[in-house]
Amino acid sequence: MNCRFCSSFLKHEFISLGSTPLSNALLSEGQLGRAEAVYPLKAYVCENCFLVQVPEFESPENIFDNYLYFSSYSETWLKHAEDYVEKIIPFLKISKNSFVVEIASNDGYLLQYFVKKGIPVLGVEPAQNVADIARQKGIPTEVAFFGVELAKQLAAQGKSADLIVGNNVLAHVPDLNDFVKGLKILLKPQGTITLEFPHLMNLIEEKQFDTIYHEHFSYFSLITAEKIFTGHGFTIFDVETLPTHGGSLRIYAKHREDNSRSISNRVTGLIEKETEARYTDIRFYLTFEEKIRSLKNDILKFFNQAKKEGKTIVGYGAPAKGNTLLNYCGIGTNFIEYTVDKNPHKQSKYLPGSHILIESPKKILKTKPDYLLILPWNLKEEIIAQNSSVRGWGGKFVTLIPEVRILK
């Protein structure tokens, strides 16, 4: 495999997590007896640009056909989106004469807040079923994958953007260069791009190996993101560190020719921090796998001890990251009775690989488990608050990243 940004040959393995199904490939009951397609889940790191990446085994078209992730089911994420809109409008002087485009706009979770203020928007969302939900909210949505071709079409239609937003989309793009070239075409001369993506520094320091799955093609430090955007004629002029998804970056980019904004000290400061932490040293990346093997042993010790004591364990959530964790550790119905999810589109389906049934959260009150395992650990505060009744029968909450933690 060659690097999807700089084309260097990839000879350094970051981590191997075995062979697993696609993390979002939930199963119906009728599919349980059939063999599942599995693919090697192996991440590499480029010694030239330090992009961490997994090979493309499944096309985005298949991944996003009847997509079952809807952003609006998380109250935490909705609040994050609303706060962003309230902040970005005065910062960039966005008005009713501006045009905002969000790439991977999902069910309109973010653009709805611009629409409420009368600001013209367009969502770009590849999943038809998800885009339909956004359209029902009155959000114009183009059903397509973003890249050079679509950017040219939109620009020709007079839909160049003052602001392009992309939250948690950059990691999902197999043709990274085509995507960033498209941004260059669609952005107005003095427009701004903001992109959010999980920060590789958090992934490594917090042992977030479960955020690696086939549908996530790339993992970024700011050092690497700057190389990519500089290579395509952009300047990253600001960056924020965010708590979302276990620790994310929000980068602000402009055309290189645009001199209206100076580069923030936060950009240079974070690049210095990453450099000091050895994110430009290939040997540093090669220490990650050993730490994850040790964590796997600790996770299995917890499950085996709970089973020995006759404790019941139920999962909360059916996120992609949870499936990486369960399949890598070999955890299935031998340890977890079922999992629950608020998203009705996921209920009555089964997790890929582990074949754990997804139920409604109401079932927790009926079975009263000893442990509620929070698979989307990045939302643990929200989930614990919504399920505080678990404590009433002496139940405890459990998270497994960055270590096994039993939360009373």
Protein backbone atom coordinates (compact mmCIF):
# COMPACT_ATOMS: atom_id res chain seq x y z
CA MET A 1 0.00 0.00 0.00
CA ASN A 2 1.15 3.54 -0.77
CA CYS A 3 0.30 6.57 1.37
CA ARG A 4 -3.00 8.09 0.32
CA PHE A 5 -1.52 11.58 0.62
CA CYS A 6 2.13 11.54 -0.45
CA SER A 7 2.24 8.14 -2.24
CA SER A 8 5.24 6.89 -0.23
CA PHE A 9 5.37 3.10 0.18
CA LEU A 10 3.97 2.10 3.59
CA LYS A 11 6.32 -0.31 5.31
CA HIS A 12 5.66 0.52 8.97
CA GLU A 13 2.76 -1.16 10.77
CA PHE A 14 1.09 0.99 13.44
CA ILE A 15 -1.19 -1.75 14.79
CA SER A 16 -2.85 -4.97 13.71
CA LEU A 17 -6.29 -5.67 15.21
CA GLY A 18 -6.92 -9.00 13.50
CA SER A 19 -9.57 -9.68 10.85
CA THR A 20 -12.99 -8.19 11.51
CA PRO A 21 -16.25 -7.36 9.71
CA LEU A 22 -17.02 -3.76 8.80
CA SER A 23 -17.88 -2.02 12.06
CA ASN A 24 -21.15 -0.55 10.81
CA ALA A 25 -22.34 -3.74 9.08
CA LEU A 26 -25.14 -4.57 11.53
CA LEU A 27 -26.91 -7.87 10.90
CA SER A 28 -30.55 -8.86 10.71
CA GLU A 29 -31.65 -12.09 12.40
CA GLY A 30 -31.83 -13.78 9.01
CA GLN A 31 -28.15 -13.00 8.34
CA LEU A 32 -26.83 -14.67 11.48
CA GLY A 33 -26.41 -18.07 9.86
CA ARG A 34 -24.41 -16.73 6.93
CA ALA A 35 -20.67 -16.21 6.79
CA GLU A 36 -19.69 -12.61 7.37
CA ALA A 37 -17.17 -10.86 5.16
CA VAL A 38 -14.08 -10.05 7.24
CA TYR A 39 -11.05 -7.97 6.35
CA PRO A 40 -7.65 -7.42 7.97
CA LEU A 41 -7.85 -4.42 10.29
CA LYS A 42 -4.31 -3.15 10.10
CA ALA A 43 -3.12 0.46 10.31
CA TYR A 44 0.12 1.72 8.81
CA VAL A 45 2.08 4.92 9.37
CA CYS A 46 3.85 6.83 6.61
CA GLU A 47 7.49 7.64 7.41
CA ASN A 48 7.33 10.71 5.15
CA CYS A 49 4.15 12.58 6.22
CA PHE A 50 3.24 10.51 9.33
CA LEU A 51 -0.32 9.89 8.20
CA VAL A 52 -1.75 6.86 10.02
CA GLN A 53 -4.07 4.96 7.67
CA VAL A 54 -5.86 1.72 6.90
CA PRO A 55 -6.28 0.18 3.44
CA GLU A 56 -9.54 0.58 1.54
CA PHE A 57 -11.24 -2.82 1.53
CA GLU A 58 -14.81 -1.63 1.03
CA SER A 59 -15.96 1.23 -1.17
CA PRO A 60 -17.59 4.29 0.43
CA GLU A 61 -20.64 3.60 -1.78
CA ASN A 62 -21.23 0.32 0.06
CA ILE A 63 -20.40 1.75 3.47
CA PHE A 64 -22.92 4.57 3.14
CA ASP A 65 -25.70 2.59 1.48
CA ASN A 66 -28.57 2.75 4.00
CA TYR A 67 -26.30 4.27 6.66
CA LEU A 68 -27.55 3.80 10.23
CA TYR A 69 -25.69 6.59 12.04
CA PHE A 70 -27.87 9.61 12.82
CA SER A 71 -26.11 12.49 14.59
CA SER A 72 -29.24 13.88 16.22
CA TYR A 73 -29.60 10.96 18.65
CA SER A 74 -26.84 12.41 20.81
CA GLU A 75 -27.84 15.41 22.94
CA THR A 76 -24.17 16.12 23.61
CA TRP A 77 -23.43 16.31 19.88
CA LEU A 78 -26.43 18.56 19.18
CA LYS A 79 -25.26 20.97 21.89
CA HIS A 80 -21.77 20.91 20.37
CA ALA A 81 -23.22 21.79 16.95
CA GLU A 82 -25.39 24.59 18.28
CA ASP A 83 -22.48 26.09 20.24
CA TYR A 84 -20.35 26.05 17.08
CA VAL A 85 -22.98 27.96 15.09
CA GLU A 86 -23.36 30.57 17.83
CA LYS A 87 -19.59 31.07 17.84
CA ILE A 88 -18.77 30.96 14.13
CA ILE A 89 -21.42 33.43 12.93
CA PRO A 90 -19.95 36.49 14.69
CA PHE A 91 -16.36 35.26 14.27
CA LEU A 92 -16.64 35.08 10.46
CA LYS A 93 -19.38 37.70 10.17
CA ILE A 94 -21.72 35.17 8.58
CA SER A 95 -24.97 36.81 7.46
CA LYS A 96 -28.07 36.17 5.36
CA ASN A 97 -25.93 37.12 2.37
CA SER A 98 -23.46 34.30 3.12
CA PHE A 99 -23.57 30.70 1.93
CA VAL A 100 -22.66 27.77 4.19
CA VAL A 101 -21.93 24.25 2.92
CA GLU A 102 -21.54 21.28 5.23
CA ILE A 103 -19.93 18.13 3.89
CA ALA A 104 -21.23 14.91 5.43
CA SER A 105 -24.17 16.88 6.81
CA ASN A 106 -25.92 13.73 8.05
CA ASP A 107 -29.49 14.38 9.26
CA GLY A 108 -29.13 18.17 9.43
CA TYR A 109 -27.98 18.14 13.07
CA LEU A 110 -25.81 21.27 12.49
CA LEU A 111 -27.24 23.13 9.49
CA GLN A 112 -30.62 23.38 11.21
CA TYR A 113 -29.13 26.04 13.50
CA PHE A 114 -28.00 28.16 10.53
CA VAL A 115 -31.42 27.73 8.89
CA LYS A 116 -33.14 29.03 12.05
CA LYS A 117 -31.15 32.25 11.63
CA GLY A 118 -32.14 32.62 7.97
CA ILE A 119 -28.68 31.82 6.62
CA PRO A 120 -28.62 30.00 3.24
CA VAL A 121 -27.11 26.51 3.48
CA LEU A 122 -26.48 23.35 1.52
CA GLY A 123 -25.77 19.94 2.95
CA VAL A 124 -23.75 17.32 1.07
CA GLU A 125 -24.57 13.83 2.34
CA PRO A 126 -23.83 10.53 0.54
CA ALA A 127 -26.42 8.42 2.40
CA GLN A 128 -29.85 8.83 0.79
CA ASN A 129 -31.81 7.63 3.84
CA VAL A 130 -30.01 10.10 6.12
CA ALA A 131 -30.31 12.97 3.63
CA ASP A 132 -34.07 12.39 3.47
CA ILE A 133 -34.31 13.15 7.20
CA ALA A 134 -32.44 16.44 6.68
CA ARG A 135 -34.70 17.43 3.81
CA GLN A 136 -37.73 16.82 5.99
CA LYS A 137 -36.28 19.46 8.33
CA GLY A 138 -36.17 21.94 5.43
CA ILE A 139 -32.43 21.64 4.83
CA PRO A 140 -31.41 21.57 1.14
CA THR A 141 -29.23 18.48 0.74
CA GLU A 142 -27.24 17.15 -2.20
CA VAL A 143 -26.94 13.36 -2.13
CA ALA A 144 -23.38 12.79 -3.30
CA PHE A 145 -19.80 12.14 -2.28
CA PHE A 146 -17.71 15.29 -2.14
CA GLY A 147 -14.67 15.76 -4.34
CA VAL A 148 -13.40 17.71 -7.33
CA GLU A 149 -16.28 16.74 -9.63
CA LEU A 150 -19.04 17.83 -7.25
CA ALA A 151 -17.14 20.99 -6.26
CA LYS A 152 -16.95 22.06 -9.91
CA GLN A 153 -20.67 21.43 -10.38
CA LEU A 154 -21.63 23.44 -7.30
CA ALA A 155 -19.28 26.32 -8.17
CA ALA A 156 -20.74 26.44 -11.69
CA GLN A 157 -24.21 26.72 -10.14
CA GLY A 158 -23.12 29.77 -8.11
CA LYS A 159 -22.91 27.79 -4.87
CA SER A 160 -19.36 28.68 -3.84
CA ALA A 161 -19.11 28.82 -0.06
CA ASP A 162 -18.18 31.50 2.45
CA LEU A 163 -17.91 28.71 5.02
CA ILE A 164 -17.35 25.01 4.45
CA VAL A 165 -17.90 22.79 7.48
CA GLY A 166 -16.80 19.17 7.76
CA ASN A 167 -17.23 17.36 11.06
CA ASN A 168 -15.79 13.85 11.30
CA VAL A 169 -15.66 13.42 7.54
CA LEU A 170 -11.94 13.75 6.78
CA ALA A 171 -11.18 10.36 8.33
CA HIS A 172 -13.85 8.71 6.14
CA VAL A 173 -12.35 9.85 2.82
CA PRO A 174 -10.30 7.25 0.91
CA ASP A 175 -9.22 9.71 -1.84
CA LEU A 176 -7.86 12.37 0.45
CA ASN A 177 -6.26 14.49 -2.27
CA ASP A 178 -9.43 14.62 -4.38
CA PHE A 179 -11.40 15.74 -1.32
CA VAL A 180 -9.03 18.58 -0.40
CA LYS A 181 -8.75 19.69 -4.03
CA GLY A 182 -12.54 19.92 -4.04
CA LEU A 183 -12.44 22.21 -1.02
CA LYS A 184 -10.05 24.50 -2.90
CA ILE A 185 -12.50 24.74 -5.82
CA LEU A 186 -15.65 25.35 -3.75
CA LEU A 187 -14.32 27.90 -1.25
CA LYS A 188 -14.71 31.61 -2.07
CA PRO A 189 -11.49 33.66 -2.24
CA GLN A 190 -11.88 34.91 1.35
CA GLY A 191 -13.87 31.95 2.65
CA THR A 192 -13.05 29.70 5.60
CA ILE A 193 -13.04 25.97 6.10
CA THR A 194 -13.48 24.36 9.52
CA LEU A 195 -12.90 20.64 9.85
CA GLU A 196 -13.15 18.52 12.97
CA PHE A 197 -11.49 15.15 13.33
CA PRO A 198 -10.19 12.96 16.17
CA HIS A 199 -6.69 13.98 17.22
CA LEU A 200 -4.08 11.26 16.75
CA MET A 201 -2.34 12.45 19.91
CA ASN A 202 -5.42 11.55 21.97
CA LEU A 203 -5.79 8.22 20.17
CA ILE A 204 -2.24 7.24 21.14
CA GLU A 205 -2.05 8.74 24.62
CA GLU A 206 -5.50 7.49 25.68
CA LYS A 207 -5.10 4.07 23.96
CA GLN A 208 -8.20 4.69 21.83
CA PHE A 209 -7.52 1.74 19.52
CA ASP A 210 -11.26 1.15 19.13
CA THR A 211 -11.55 4.31 17.02
CA ILE A 212 -9.63 2.41 14.32
CA TYR A 213 -11.97 0.61 11.93
CA HIS A 214 -12.29 0.01 8.20
CA GLU A 215 -14.67 2.93 7.64
CA HIS A 216 -12.08 5.29 9.18
CA PHE A 217 -9.39 5.49 6.52
CA SER A 218 -7.04 8.08 8.09
CA TYR A 219 -5.91 9.44 11.48
CA PHE A 220 -4.35 12.87 11.79
CA SER A 221 -1.92 14.84 13.89
CA LEU A 222 -1.86 18.59 13.27
CA ILE A 223 1.62 18.11 11.76
CA THR A 224 0.17 15.81 9.11
CA ALA A 225 -2.96 17.89 8.54
CA GLU A 226 -0.79 20.95 7.90
CA LYS A 227 1.31 19.03 5.37
CA ILE A 228 -1.84 17.98 3.51
CA PHE A 229 -3.52 21.39 3.43
CA THR A 230 -0.31 23.28 2.64
CA GLY A 231 0.26 20.85 -0.21
CA HIS A 232 -3.09 21.85 -1.70
CA GLY A 233 -2.72 25.60 -1.44
CA PHE A 234 -4.29 26.26 1.97
CA THR A 235 -3.05 27.81 5.19
CA ILE A 236 -4.27 26.47 8.54
CA PHE A 237 -4.57 29.72 10.49
CA ASP A 238 -6.13 28.47 13.73
CA VAL A 239 -6.81 25.28 15.64
CA GLU A 240 -8.88 24.34 18.67
CA THR A 241 -8.64 21.25 20.84
CA LEU A 242 -12.08 19.84 21.60
CA PRO A 243 -13.32 17.16 24.03
CA THR A 244 -15.58 15.53 21.43
CA HIS A 245 -14.97 11.93 20.33
CA GLY A 246 -12.35 11.44 22.99
CA GLY A 247 -10.38 14.51 21.91
CA SER A 248 -10.60 16.22 18.54
CA LEU A 249 -9.07 19.08 16.60
CA ARG A 250 -11.01 21.79 14.82
CA ILE A 251 -8.81 23.36 12.18
CA TYR A 252 -9.53 26.66 10.43
CA ALA A 253 -8.15 26.92 6.89
CA LYS A 254 -8.07 29.63 4.22
CA HIS A 255 -6.66 29.98 0.73
CA ARG A 256 -2.91 30.61 0.82
CA GLU A 257 -3.49 33.77 -1.22
CA ASP A 258 -5.88 35.20 1.40
CA ASN A 259 -3.96 37.59 3.65
CA SER A 260 -6.97 38.70 5.72
CA ARG A 261 -6.10 36.51 8.73
CA SER A 262 -2.82 35.87 10.52
CA ILE A 263 -1.73 32.49 11.84
CA SER A 264 -2.66 31.91 15.48
CA ASN A 265 -0.08 31.00 18.10
CA ARG A 266 -2.27 27.97 18.79
CA VAL A 267 -1.18 26.44 15.48
CA THR A 268 2.54 26.86 16.06
CA GLY A 269 2.15 25.89 19.72
CA LEU A 270 0.41 22.59 18.99
CA ILE A 271 2.87 21.68 16.24
CA GLU A 272 5.72 22.28 18.70
CA LYS A 273 3.93 20.12 21.29
CA GLU A 274 3.47 17.27 18.82
CA THR A 275 7.09 17.53 17.69
CA GLU A 276 8.34 17.37 21.26
CA ALA A 277 6.13 14.32 21.82
CA ARG A 278 7.94 12.62 18.87
CA TYR A 279 5.14 12.69 16.30
CA THR A 280 7.80 13.19 13.63
CA ASP A 281 9.77 10.13 14.82
CA ILE A 282 8.66 6.91 13.11
CA ARG A 283 10.00 4.83 16.03
CA PHE A 284 7.50 6.47 18.37
CA TYR A 285 4.54 5.07 16.42
CA LEU A 286 5.87 1.53 16.59
CA THR A 287 5.42 1.36 20.40
CA PHE A 288 1.62 1.65 20.27
CA GLU A 289 0.68 -1.97 19.56
CA GLU A 290 2.40 -3.36 22.65
CA LYS A 291 0.41 -0.99 24.88
CA ILE A 292 -2.84 -2.15 23.31
CA ARG A 293 -1.99 -5.83 23.81
CA SER A 294 -1.52 -5.10 27.50
CA LEU A 295 -4.86 -3.26 27.64
CA LYS A 296 -6.56 -6.22 25.93
CA ASN A 297 -5.28 -8.52 28.69
CA ASP A 298 -6.72 -6.20 31.36
CA ILE A 299 -10.08 -6.06 29.56
CA LEU A 300 -10.30 -9.85 29.38
CA LYS A 301 -9.37 -10.14 33.06
CA PHE A 302 -12.36 -7.94 33.93
CA PHE A 303 -14.80 -10.00 31.86
CA ASN A 304 -13.51 -13.34 33.13
CA GLN A 305 -13.64 -12.18 36.75
CA ALA A 306 -17.19 -10.84 36.31
CA LYS A 307 -18.29 -14.13 34.78
CA LYS A 308 -16.62 -16.11 37.58
CA GLU A 309 -18.57 -14.03 40.11
CA GLY A 310 -21.85 -14.58 38.24
CA LYS A 311 -22.24 -10.89 37.37
CA THR A 312 -24.45 -9.87 34.45
CA ILE A 313 -23.09 -7.43 31.86
CA VAL A 314 -25.17 -5.43 29.38
CA GLY A 315 -23.79 -3.05 26.78
CA TYR A 316 -24.93 0.51 26.16
CA GLY A 317 -24.68 1.68 22.56
CA ALA A 318 -23.89 0.10 19.19
CA PRO A 319 -21.14 2.41 17.89
CA ALA A 320 -18.55 1.40 15.31
CA LYS A 321 -15.80 1.79 17.90
CA GLY A 322 -17.52 -0.74 20.15
CA ASN A 323 -17.36 -3.37 17.43
CA THR A 324 -13.61 -2.91 16.98
CA LEU A 325 -13.12 -3.40 20.70
CA LEU A 326 -15.41 -6.43 21.05
CA ASN A 327 -14.04 -8.24 18.00
CA TYR A 328 -10.38 -7.56 18.82
CA CYS A 329 -10.87 -8.84 22.36
CA GLY A 330 -13.09 -11.78 21.34
CA ILE A 331 -16.02 -10.62 23.46
CA GLY A 332 -19.51 -11.71 22.43
CA THR A 333 -22.62 -13.27 23.91
CA ASN A 334 -20.30 -15.34 26.10
CA PHE A 335 -19.91 -12.22 28.26
CA ILE A 336 -22.53 -9.64 27.21
CA GLU A 337 -26.25 -10.54 27.29
CA TYR A 338 -27.33 -7.75 24.93
CA THR A 339 -26.65 -4.10 24.16
CA VAL A 340 -29.06 -1.19 23.81
CA ASP A 341 -29.25 1.86 21.58
CA LYS A 342 -31.58 4.87 21.42
CA ASN A 343 -31.51 4.77 17.62
CA PRO A 344 -34.58 2.70 16.59
CA HIS A 345 -32.94 1.99 13.22
CA LYS A 346 -30.36 -0.15 15.05
CA GLN A 347 -32.72 -1.97 17.41
CA SER A 348 -33.49 -5.67 16.71
CA LYS A 349 -30.26 -5.94 14.72
CA TYR A 350 -27.06 -7.68 15.78
CA LEU A 351 -23.52 -6.41 16.16
CA PRO A 352 -21.13 -7.65 13.45
CA GLY A 353 -18.78 -10.39 14.56
CA SER A 354 -19.99 -10.68 18.15
CA HIS A 355 -23.67 -11.17 17.18
CA ILE A 356 -24.87 -9.33 20.30
CA LEU A 357 -28.53 -8.29 20.00
CA ILE A 358 -29.35 -4.55 20.07
CA GLU A 359 -32.40 -3.78 22.21
CA SER A 360 -34.24 -0.66 23.35
CA PRO A 361 -32.79 1.05 26.46
CA LYS A 362 -36.07 0.19 28.23
CA LYS A 363 -34.87 -3.38 28.63
CA ILE A 364 -32.21 -2.30 31.13
CA LEU A 365 -34.93 -1.59 33.71
CA LYS A 366 -36.37 -5.07 33.22
CA THR A 367 -33.18 -7.12 33.55
CA LYS A 368 -31.30 -4.91 36.05
CA PRO A 369 -27.72 -5.88 35.09
CA ASP A 370 -24.81 -5.69 37.51
CA TYR A 371 -22.67 -3.81 34.97
CA LEU A 372 -23.64 -1.42 32.17
CA LEU A 373 -20.72 -1.36 29.74
CA ILE A 374 -20.59 2.01 27.95
CA LEU A 375 -19.27 1.33 24.45
CA PRO A 376 -19.44 4.98 23.20
CA TRP A 377 -17.20 6.03 26.12
CA ASN A 378 -16.91 9.54 24.65
CA LEU A 379 -20.56 10.07 25.68
CA LYS A 380 -20.27 8.51 29.13
CA GLU A 381 -21.43 11.57 31.08
CA GLU A 382 -24.60 11.82 28.98
CA ILE A 383 -25.27 8.08 29.22
CA ILE A 384 -24.68 7.87 32.98
CA ALA A 385 -27.00 10.86 33.56
CA GLN A 386 -29.74 9.24 31.45
CA ASN A 387 -29.39 5.90 33.23
CA SER A 388 -28.87 6.97 36.84
CA SER A 389 -31.57 4.48 37.92
CA VAL A 390 -28.97 1.73 37.42
CA ARG A 391 -27.49 2.74 40.75
CA GLY A 392 -30.83 2.00 42.42
CA TRP A 393 -30.25 -1.76 42.27
CA GLY A 394 -26.51 -1.50 42.91
CA GLY A 395 -25.55 -1.59 39.25
CA LYS A 396 -22.29 -0.03 38.10
CA PHE A 397 -21.09 1.61 34.90
CA VAL A 398 -17.97 0.36 33.13
CA THR A 399 -15.68 1.93 30.52
CA LEU A 400 -12.67 0.15 29.01
CA ILE A 401 -10.72 3.01 27.37
CA PRO A 402 -8.00 4.08 28.26
CA GLU A 403 -8.22 1.45 31.00
CA VAL A 404 -10.84 -0.66 32.74
CA ARG A 405 -12.81 1.67 35.01
CA ILE A 406 -15.77 0.68 37.18
CA LEU A 407 -17.85 3.79 37.87
CA LYS A 408 -20.26 3.53 40.80
